[in-house]
N, C-alpha and C. Protein backbone atom coordinates (compact mmCIF):
# COMPACT_ATOMS: atom_id res chain seq x y z
N MET A 1 131.18 153.58 50.67
CA MET A 1 132.01 154.76 50.51
C MET A 1 132.94 154.53 49.32
N VAL A 2 133.08 155.55 48.50
CA VAL A 2 133.95 155.47 47.34
C VAL A 2 135.33 156.00 47.73
N ALA A 3 136.37 155.28 47.35
CA ALA A 3 137.75 155.68 47.66
C ALA A 3 138.12 156.94 46.89
N ILE A 4 138.98 157.74 47.50
CA ILE A 4 139.55 158.93 46.86
C ILE A 4 141.01 158.59 46.56
N VAL A 5 141.45 158.91 45.34
CA VAL A 5 142.82 158.60 44.92
C VAL A 5 143.58 159.88 44.63
N ALA A 6 144.86 159.87 44.96
CA ALA A 6 145.72 161.03 44.75
C ALA A 6 145.97 161.24 43.27
N GLY A 7 145.99 162.49 42.90
CA GLY A 7 146.40 162.89 41.56
C GLY A 7 147.70 163.65 41.68
N ALA A 8 147.90 164.61 40.82
CA ALA A 8 149.13 165.40 40.82
C ALA A 8 149.29 166.15 42.14
N GLN A 9 150.46 166.06 42.71
CA GLN A 9 150.91 166.88 43.84
C GLN A 9 150.03 166.79 45.08
N THR A 10 149.40 165.64 45.30
CA THR A 10 148.59 165.44 46.50
C THR A 10 148.95 164.13 47.17
N MET A 11 148.60 164.05 48.44
CA MET A 11 148.70 162.81 49.20
C MET A 11 147.30 162.54 49.75
N VAL A 12 146.85 161.29 49.61
CA VAL A 12 145.55 160.88 50.14
C VAL A 12 145.78 159.78 51.16
N SER A 13 145.14 159.91 52.31
CA SER A 13 145.27 158.88 53.34
C SER A 13 143.91 158.64 53.99
N PRO A 14 143.67 157.39 54.44
CA PRO A 14 142.38 157.07 55.06
C PRO A 14 142.24 157.72 56.44
N LEU A 15 141.01 158.06 56.78
CA LEU A 15 140.69 158.61 58.10
C LEU A 15 139.96 157.54 58.91
N PRO A 16 139.98 157.62 60.24
CA PRO A 16 139.34 156.61 61.07
C PRO A 16 137.84 156.45 60.83
N ASP A 17 137.15 157.53 60.37
CA ASP A 17 135.70 157.45 60.15
C ASP A 17 135.33 156.85 58.79
N GLY A 18 136.34 156.41 58.03
CA GLY A 18 136.10 155.85 56.71
C GLY A 18 136.25 156.85 55.59
N GLY A 19 136.43 158.12 55.91
CA GLY A 19 136.65 159.15 54.90
C GLY A 19 138.10 159.20 54.48
N TRP A 20 138.46 160.25 53.76
CA TRP A 20 139.80 160.40 53.19
C TRP A 20 140.34 161.79 53.45
N ARG A 21 141.62 161.87 53.81
CA ARG A 21 142.32 163.15 53.95
C ARG A 21 143.06 163.40 52.64
N VAL A 22 142.84 164.58 52.05
CA VAL A 22 143.51 164.98 50.82
C VAL A 22 144.33 166.22 51.14
N GLU A 23 145.64 166.18 50.81
CA GLU A 23 146.53 167.29 51.15
C GLU A 23 147.44 167.63 49.97
N LYS A 24 147.64 168.93 49.73
CA LYS A 24 148.57 169.38 48.69
C LYS A 24 149.98 169.22 49.22
N THR A 25 150.82 168.52 48.47
CA THR A 25 152.18 168.24 48.92
C THR A 25 153.26 168.75 47.96
N GLY A 26 152.88 169.30 46.83
CA GLY A 26 153.88 169.77 45.87
C GLY A 26 153.31 170.84 44.96
N GLY A 27 154.18 171.37 44.12
CA GLY A 27 153.77 172.39 43.17
C GLY A 27 153.93 173.79 43.72
N LEU A 28 153.45 174.75 42.97
CA LEU A 28 153.57 176.15 43.33
C LEU A 28 152.50 176.57 44.34
N GLU A 29 152.86 177.47 45.22
CA GLU A 29 151.90 178.05 46.17
C GLU A 29 150.85 178.84 45.40
N ASN A 30 149.61 178.75 45.83
CA ASN A 30 148.48 179.46 45.23
C ASN A 30 148.22 179.09 43.77
N ASP A 31 148.58 177.87 43.40
CA ASP A 31 148.33 177.36 42.05
C ASP A 31 147.41 176.14 42.17
N TYR A 32 146.24 176.24 41.56
CA TYR A 32 145.28 175.13 41.59
C TYR A 32 145.76 174.02 40.64
N ALA A 33 146.79 173.30 41.04
CA ALA A 33 147.32 172.22 40.21
C ALA A 33 147.55 170.95 41.02
N ALA A 34 147.02 170.89 42.21
CA ALA A 34 147.10 169.68 43.04
C ALA A 34 145.70 169.07 43.06
N ALA A 35 145.59 167.81 42.62
CA ALA A 35 144.27 167.23 42.40
C ALA A 35 144.12 165.87 43.05
N ALA A 36 142.87 165.51 43.30
CA ALA A 36 142.50 164.16 43.73
C ALA A 36 141.07 163.94 43.24
N ALA A 37 140.71 162.68 43.04
CA ALA A 37 139.37 162.35 42.54
C ALA A 37 138.94 161.01 43.11
N SER A 38 137.67 160.70 42.94
CA SER A 38 137.16 159.41 43.41
C SER A 38 137.61 158.30 42.46
N ALA A 39 137.70 157.10 43.00
CA ALA A 39 138.10 155.93 42.21
C ALA A 39 136.96 155.44 41.31
N ALA A 40 135.74 155.89 41.59
CA ALA A 40 134.58 155.50 40.79
C ALA A 40 133.56 156.63 40.81
N ALA A 41 132.67 156.61 39.85
CA ALA A 41 131.57 157.57 39.80
C ALA A 41 130.35 156.98 40.49
N ILE A 42 129.43 157.85 40.85
CA ILE A 42 128.14 157.40 41.36
C ILE A 42 127.07 157.89 40.39
N ALA A 43 126.26 156.95 39.91
CA ALA A 43 125.25 157.27 38.92
C ALA A 43 123.92 157.72 39.55
N GLY A 44 123.69 157.38 40.80
CA GLY A 44 122.43 157.72 41.45
C GLY A 44 122.61 158.80 42.50
N ASP A 45 121.82 158.69 43.55
CA ASP A 45 121.86 159.65 44.64
C ASP A 45 123.17 159.52 45.40
N PHE A 46 123.69 160.66 45.90
CA PHE A 46 124.94 160.61 46.67
C PHE A 46 124.98 161.73 47.69
N ILE A 47 125.95 161.58 48.60
CA ILE A 47 126.26 162.60 49.60
C ILE A 47 127.77 162.80 49.58
N ILE A 48 128.18 164.06 49.51
CA ILE A 48 129.60 164.43 49.69
C ILE A 48 129.67 165.31 50.92
N LYS A 49 130.58 164.98 51.80
CA LYS A 49 130.87 165.84 52.96
C LYS A 49 132.34 166.22 52.88
N VAL A 50 132.63 167.51 52.91
CA VAL A 50 134.01 167.99 52.89
C VAL A 50 134.20 168.94 54.06
N THR A 51 135.24 168.66 54.84
CA THR A 51 135.59 169.50 55.98
C THR A 51 136.97 170.11 55.73
N ASP A 52 137.08 171.41 55.91
CA ASP A 52 138.34 172.13 55.76
C ASP A 52 139.21 171.83 56.98
N LEU A 53 140.37 171.24 56.77
CA LEU A 53 141.26 170.87 57.88
C LEU A 53 142.32 171.93 58.18
N THR A 54 142.45 172.93 57.32
CA THR A 54 143.44 174.00 57.52
C THR A 54 142.75 175.33 57.29
N SER A 55 142.80 176.21 58.26
CA SER A 55 142.03 177.45 58.20
C SER A 55 142.46 178.38 57.07
N SER A 56 143.67 178.23 56.56
CA SER A 56 144.12 179.12 55.47
C SER A 56 144.02 178.42 54.11
N ASN A 57 143.14 177.45 54.03
CA ASN A 57 143.01 176.65 52.82
C ASN A 57 142.40 177.43 51.66
N SER A 58 142.72 177.01 50.46
CA SER A 58 142.05 177.48 49.25
C SER A 58 141.86 176.25 48.39
N VAL A 59 140.63 175.74 48.36
CA VAL A 59 140.34 174.47 47.69
C VAL A 59 139.01 174.58 46.96
N ILE A 60 138.94 173.91 45.81
CA ILE A 60 137.68 173.79 45.08
C ILE A 60 137.39 172.29 44.96
N PHE A 61 136.16 171.90 45.29
CA PHE A 61 135.79 170.49 45.26
C PHE A 61 134.35 170.37 44.81
N GLY A 62 134.04 169.21 44.26
CA GLY A 62 132.67 168.97 43.83
C GLY A 62 132.58 167.71 43.00
N VAL A 63 131.73 167.74 41.98
CA VAL A 63 131.53 166.57 41.12
C VAL A 63 131.78 166.93 39.67
N SER A 64 132.28 165.94 38.94
CA SER A 64 132.69 166.14 37.57
C SER A 64 132.32 164.94 36.72
N THR A 65 132.05 165.19 35.45
CA THR A 65 131.83 164.09 34.51
C THR A 65 133.15 163.54 33.98
N ASN A 66 134.25 164.30 34.14
CA ASN A 66 135.55 163.87 33.63
C ASN A 66 136.68 164.42 34.50
N PRO A 67 136.94 163.79 35.65
CA PRO A 67 137.95 164.32 36.56
C PRO A 67 139.37 164.24 36.03
N SER A 68 139.62 163.44 35.02
CA SER A 68 140.98 163.32 34.50
C SER A 68 141.27 164.34 33.40
N ALA A 69 140.34 165.26 33.14
CA ALA A 69 140.55 166.26 32.09
C ALA A 69 141.76 167.15 32.38
N ASN A 70 141.92 167.57 33.63
CA ASN A 70 143.11 168.34 34.04
C ASN A 70 143.20 168.35 35.55
N ASP A 71 144.29 168.91 36.07
CA ASP A 71 144.50 168.93 37.52
C ASP A 71 143.97 170.20 38.17
N GLY A 72 143.48 171.14 37.40
CA GLY A 72 142.89 172.35 37.93
C GLY A 72 141.43 172.14 38.26
N PHE A 73 140.68 173.23 38.29
CA PHE A 73 139.27 173.13 38.69
C PHE A 73 138.29 173.43 37.56
N SER A 74 138.77 173.79 36.39
CA SER A 74 137.85 174.23 35.33
C SER A 74 136.92 173.12 34.84
N GLU A 75 137.31 171.85 35.02
CA GLU A 75 136.45 170.75 34.56
C GLU A 75 135.50 170.25 35.64
N ILE A 76 135.53 170.82 36.84
CA ILE A 76 134.62 170.40 37.89
C ILE A 76 133.25 171.04 37.61
N ASP A 77 132.28 170.22 37.26
CA ASP A 77 130.99 170.72 36.79
C ASP A 77 130.19 171.48 37.85
N PHE A 78 130.13 170.93 39.07
CA PHE A 78 129.39 171.54 40.17
C PHE A 78 130.30 171.53 41.38
N SER A 79 130.66 172.74 41.89
CA SER A 79 131.70 172.77 42.91
C SER A 79 131.48 173.85 43.95
N VAL A 80 132.24 173.70 45.04
CA VAL A 80 132.29 174.66 46.13
C VAL A 80 133.75 175.05 46.31
N GLN A 81 133.99 176.31 46.56
CA GLN A 81 135.33 176.78 46.90
C GLN A 81 135.33 177.26 48.34
N PHE A 82 136.30 176.78 49.12
CA PHE A 82 136.61 177.36 50.42
C PHE A 82 137.79 178.29 50.18
N HIS A 83 137.63 179.57 50.51
CA HIS A 83 138.73 180.52 50.32
C HIS A 83 138.49 181.73 51.21
N GLY A 84 139.50 182.06 52.02
CA GLY A 84 139.43 183.26 52.85
C GLY A 84 138.25 183.30 53.81
N GLY A 85 137.82 182.13 54.30
CA GLY A 85 136.71 182.08 55.24
C GLY A 85 135.34 182.11 54.58
N TYR A 86 135.32 182.05 53.26
CA TYR A 86 134.05 182.08 52.53
C TYR A 86 133.80 180.80 51.76
N PHE A 87 132.54 180.60 51.41
CA PHE A 87 132.01 179.46 50.68
C PHE A 87 131.47 180.03 49.37
N TYR A 88 132.03 179.58 48.25
CA TYR A 88 131.61 180.05 46.93
C TYR A 88 131.10 178.86 46.13
N VAL A 89 130.01 179.03 45.40
CA VAL A 89 129.51 177.99 44.51
C VAL A 89 129.96 178.32 43.08
N TYR A 90 130.48 177.30 42.39
CA TYR A 90 130.86 177.42 40.98
C TYR A 90 130.12 176.33 40.21
N GLU A 91 129.65 176.67 39.04
CA GLU A 91 129.04 175.68 38.15
C GLU A 91 129.67 175.84 36.78
N ARG A 92 130.31 174.75 36.35
CA ARG A 92 131.05 174.72 35.09
C ARG A 92 132.04 175.88 34.99
N GLY A 93 132.74 176.13 36.11
CA GLY A 93 133.80 177.13 36.15
C GLY A 93 133.35 178.56 36.39
N THR A 94 132.05 178.80 36.53
CA THR A 94 131.54 180.15 36.70
C THR A 94 130.99 180.34 38.12
N PHE A 95 131.41 181.41 38.78
CA PHE A 95 130.93 181.73 40.13
C PHE A 95 129.44 182.04 40.09
N VAL A 96 128.70 181.46 41.04
CA VAL A 96 127.26 181.70 41.18
C VAL A 96 127.06 182.44 42.51
N PRO A 97 126.82 183.77 42.47
CA PRO A 97 126.68 184.54 43.71
C PRO A 97 125.48 184.09 44.53
N PRO A 98 125.45 184.44 45.82
CA PRO A 98 126.43 185.24 46.55
C PRO A 98 127.46 184.36 47.25
N ALA A 99 128.54 184.97 47.70
CA ALA A 99 129.50 184.29 48.57
C ALA A 99 128.87 184.22 49.97
N ARG A 100 129.21 183.18 50.71
CA ARG A 100 128.66 183.01 52.05
C ARG A 100 129.80 182.72 53.02
N MET A 101 129.63 183.08 54.29
CA MET A 101 130.61 182.70 55.30
C MET A 101 130.59 181.18 55.41
N GLN A 102 131.77 180.59 55.53
CA GLN A 102 131.80 179.14 55.69
C GLN A 102 132.13 178.80 57.13
N ASP A 103 131.64 177.66 57.58
CA ASP A 103 131.93 177.23 58.95
C ASP A 103 132.87 176.04 58.97
N GLY A 104 133.43 175.68 57.82
CA GLY A 104 134.40 174.59 57.78
C GLY A 104 133.88 173.30 57.19
N THR A 105 132.56 173.14 57.03
CA THR A 105 132.02 171.91 56.45
C THR A 105 130.98 172.26 55.40
N ALA A 106 131.09 171.59 54.26
CA ALA A 106 130.11 171.74 53.18
C ALA A 106 129.63 170.37 52.75
N TRP A 107 128.44 170.34 52.23
CA TRP A 107 127.81 169.11 51.74
C TRP A 107 127.32 169.36 50.32
N ILE A 108 127.48 168.38 49.46
CA ILE A 108 126.84 168.39 48.15
C ILE A 108 126.06 167.08 48.07
N THR A 109 124.77 167.20 47.82
CA THR A 109 123.93 166.00 47.76
C THR A 109 123.19 165.97 46.42
N ARG A 110 122.88 164.77 45.99
CA ARG A 110 122.00 164.63 44.83
C ARG A 110 120.92 163.61 45.18
N THR A 111 119.68 164.03 44.98
CA THR A 111 118.52 163.16 45.15
C THR A 111 117.71 163.27 43.88
N GLY A 112 117.54 162.13 43.18
CA GLY A 112 116.91 162.19 41.87
C GLY A 112 117.82 163.02 40.97
N GLY A 113 117.30 164.01 40.33
CA GLY A 113 118.11 164.88 39.49
C GLY A 113 118.40 166.22 40.14
N GLU A 114 118.15 166.35 41.45
CA GLU A 114 118.37 167.62 42.13
C GLU A 114 119.66 167.60 42.94
N LEU A 115 120.56 168.53 42.61
CA LEU A 115 121.83 168.69 43.31
C LEU A 115 121.68 169.86 44.27
N ARG A 116 122.14 169.67 45.51
CA ARG A 116 122.03 170.71 46.52
C ARG A 116 123.38 170.96 47.19
N TYR A 117 123.66 172.24 47.45
CA TYR A 117 124.85 172.66 48.19
C TYR A 117 124.40 173.10 49.57
N HIS A 118 125.07 172.61 50.61
CA HIS A 118 124.70 172.93 51.99
C HIS A 118 125.94 173.39 52.76
N ILE A 119 125.73 174.22 53.78
CA ILE A 119 126.79 174.66 54.68
C ILE A 119 126.38 174.30 56.10
N GLY A 120 127.26 173.62 56.85
CA GLY A 120 126.98 173.32 58.25
C GLY A 120 127.65 172.05 58.71
N PRO A 121 127.88 171.92 59.99
CA PRO A 121 128.62 170.76 60.51
C PRO A 121 127.88 169.43 60.36
N THR A 122 126.53 169.46 60.34
CA THR A 122 125.76 168.23 60.11
C THR A 122 124.81 168.50 58.96
N LEU A 123 124.52 167.47 58.19
CA LEU A 123 123.61 167.65 57.07
C LEU A 123 122.21 168.01 57.55
N ALA A 124 121.77 167.40 58.64
CA ALA A 124 120.43 167.67 59.16
C ALA A 124 120.26 169.13 59.58
N GLY A 125 121.32 169.74 60.08
CA GLY A 125 121.25 171.12 60.53
C GLY A 125 121.86 172.13 59.57
N ALA A 126 122.29 171.68 58.39
CA ALA A 126 122.97 172.56 57.44
C ALA A 126 122.00 173.52 56.76
N THR A 127 122.54 174.65 56.32
CA THR A 127 121.78 175.64 55.57
C THR A 127 121.90 175.33 54.09
N LEU A 128 120.77 175.30 53.40
CA LEU A 128 120.78 175.09 51.96
C LEU A 128 121.26 176.37 51.29
N ALA A 129 122.35 176.27 50.50
CA ALA A 129 122.91 177.44 49.83
C ALA A 129 122.38 177.58 48.41
N ARG A 130 122.13 176.45 47.76
CA ARG A 130 121.66 176.49 46.36
C ARG A 130 121.16 175.12 45.97
N SER A 131 120.21 175.09 45.04
CA SER A 131 119.66 173.85 44.51
C SER A 131 119.61 173.96 42.99
N VAL A 132 119.99 172.87 42.31
CA VAL A 132 120.01 172.85 40.85
C VAL A 132 119.29 171.59 40.40
N SER A 133 118.34 171.72 39.47
CA SER A 133 117.62 170.55 38.98
C SER A 133 118.21 170.08 37.65
N GLY A 134 117.87 168.85 37.28
CA GLY A 134 118.31 168.29 36.01
C GLY A 134 119.74 167.78 35.99
N VAL A 135 120.30 167.48 37.17
CA VAL A 135 121.68 166.98 37.25
C VAL A 135 121.62 165.46 37.30
N THR A 136 121.90 164.82 36.17
CA THR A 136 121.80 163.37 36.06
C THR A 136 123.10 162.79 35.54
N GLY A 137 123.17 161.46 35.51
CA GLY A 137 124.36 160.77 34.99
C GLY A 137 125.37 160.49 36.07
N ALA A 138 126.37 159.71 35.69
CA ALA A 138 127.44 159.34 36.62
C ALA A 138 128.35 160.53 36.88
N LEU A 139 128.64 160.78 38.15
CA LEU A 139 129.51 161.89 38.54
C LEU A 139 130.60 161.39 39.48
N TRP A 140 131.78 161.97 39.36
CA TRP A 140 132.96 161.64 40.15
C TRP A 140 133.24 162.77 41.12
N PHE A 141 133.71 162.46 42.32
CA PHE A 141 134.25 163.50 43.19
C PHE A 141 135.53 164.01 42.55
N ASP A 142 135.79 165.30 42.65
CA ASP A 142 136.98 165.91 42.06
C ASP A 142 137.35 167.11 42.91
N CYS A 143 138.65 167.39 43.06
CA CYS A 143 139.06 168.57 43.80
C CYS A 143 140.40 169.09 43.31
N SER A 144 140.66 170.35 43.62
CA SER A 144 141.92 170.99 43.30
C SER A 144 142.26 171.92 44.46
N ILE A 145 143.51 171.83 44.95
CA ILE A 145 143.94 172.59 46.12
C ILE A 145 145.05 173.55 45.71
N ALA A 146 144.97 174.82 46.15
CA ALA A 146 145.95 175.84 45.76
C ALA A 146 147.08 176.02 46.76
N ARG A 147 146.79 175.96 48.04
CA ARG A 147 147.80 176.30 49.05
C ARG A 147 148.57 175.08 49.53
N MET A 148 149.89 175.21 49.61
CA MET A 148 150.75 174.14 50.09
C MET A 148 150.33 173.74 51.50
N GLY A 149 150.16 172.45 51.73
CA GLY A 149 149.73 171.95 53.03
C GLY A 149 148.23 172.04 53.25
N GLY A 150 147.52 172.66 52.32
CA GLY A 150 146.06 172.72 52.43
C GLY A 150 145.48 171.32 52.43
N ALA A 151 144.53 171.06 53.32
CA ALA A 151 143.99 169.70 53.45
C ALA A 151 142.49 169.74 53.73
N ILE A 152 141.81 168.71 53.20
CA ILE A 152 140.39 168.53 53.43
C ILE A 152 140.13 167.08 53.82
N ALA A 153 139.03 166.86 54.54
CA ALA A 153 138.53 165.52 54.82
C ALA A 153 137.33 165.31 53.90
N VAL A 154 137.28 164.16 53.20
CA VAL A 154 136.26 163.90 52.20
C VAL A 154 135.55 162.59 52.47
N ARG A 155 134.23 162.61 52.32
CA ARG A 155 133.41 161.40 52.29
C ARG A 155 132.52 161.51 51.06
N PHE A 156 132.56 160.49 50.20
CA PHE A 156 131.74 160.45 48.97
C PHE A 156 131.08 159.09 48.95
N GLU A 157 129.74 159.09 49.07
CA GLU A 157 129.07 157.80 49.18
C GLU A 157 127.67 157.84 48.57
N PRO A 158 127.24 156.68 48.09
CA PRO A 158 125.86 156.58 47.59
C PRO A 158 124.89 156.87 48.73
N ASP A 159 123.75 157.43 48.39
CA ASP A 159 122.70 157.69 49.37
C ASP A 159 121.51 156.82 49.02
N GLY A 160 121.29 155.78 49.78
CA GLY A 160 120.17 154.89 49.53
C GLY A 160 120.47 153.87 48.45
N ASP A 161 119.46 153.18 47.99
CA ASP A 161 119.61 152.09 47.03
C ASP A 161 119.93 152.56 45.62
N SER A 162 119.62 153.81 45.28
CA SER A 162 119.80 154.24 43.91
C SER A 162 121.21 154.70 43.59
N GLY A 163 122.10 154.75 44.57
CA GLY A 163 123.44 155.30 44.37
C GLY A 163 124.46 154.30 43.91
N SER A 164 124.18 153.57 42.87
CA SER A 164 125.13 152.55 42.40
C SER A 164 126.40 153.18 41.86
N ALA A 165 127.52 152.59 42.20
CA ALA A 165 128.82 153.09 41.72
C ALA A 165 129.13 152.49 40.36
N ARG A 166 129.76 153.27 39.52
CA ARG A 166 130.18 152.81 38.21
C ARG A 166 131.61 152.32 38.27
N ALA A 167 132.02 151.57 37.28
CA ALA A 167 133.37 151.03 37.24
C ALA A 167 134.41 152.14 37.28
N PRO A 168 135.56 151.88 37.92
CA PRO A 168 136.62 152.88 37.99
C PRO A 168 137.16 153.21 36.61
N MET A 169 137.73 154.40 36.49
CA MET A 169 138.44 154.78 35.27
C MET A 169 139.87 155.11 35.63
N ARG A 170 140.76 155.06 34.67
CA ARG A 170 142.16 155.38 34.93
C ARG A 170 142.30 156.90 35.00
N LEU A 171 142.90 157.38 36.07
CA LEU A 171 143.11 158.81 36.25
C LEU A 171 144.55 159.17 35.97
N ARG A 172 144.76 160.38 35.45
CA ARG A 172 146.14 160.90 35.37
C ARG A 172 146.55 161.19 36.79
N ILE A 173 147.66 160.63 37.24
CA ILE A 173 148.03 160.81 38.64
C ILE A 173 149.36 161.50 38.83
N GLY A 174 149.83 162.21 37.84
CA GLY A 174 151.01 162.98 38.10
C GLY A 174 151.90 163.13 36.88
N ILE A 175 152.95 163.86 37.08
CA ILE A 175 153.90 164.13 36.03
C ILE A 175 154.62 162.86 35.62
N GLY A 176 154.75 162.67 34.33
CA GLY A 176 155.51 161.54 33.81
C GLY A 176 154.74 160.24 33.75
N GLU A 177 153.46 160.26 34.02
CA GLU A 177 152.68 159.02 33.95
C GLU A 177 151.79 159.03 32.75
């Protein structure tokens, strides 16, 4: 499992299952400026599981080639937004229709060069929302939360032998650093 580290205006804490709780703790309400990212990238296959811990959450999460580019969501290359009870897919900052009802848990997986977005409490029983081919290279977990107190549970881990983690990079972690 790859560690998740707090960025601007967030608090990250470990969960008993080995995952991470990410919560917005500062900044303006409804402003996507609270961020957290993984401590390392995964170059191979991976699984991300994100569970919405607050029903009024507004969060965008996914994978990025450069999570330290900013604290918003525009640099998240492949992402999911939980907002208003819906699940939205964004790729390189652009919404990819349709919106779907969310049930509180989303999965993003990569096998080979195929990235898949899933909705459902378990990966085995999840509904495939979208599949994208040709997604290669090292990717970092990245997220941005808009609502104060909004929180998610995150697990980001290699899937099988091909999911080698890359060396950590220094992240911008807040104002004045």
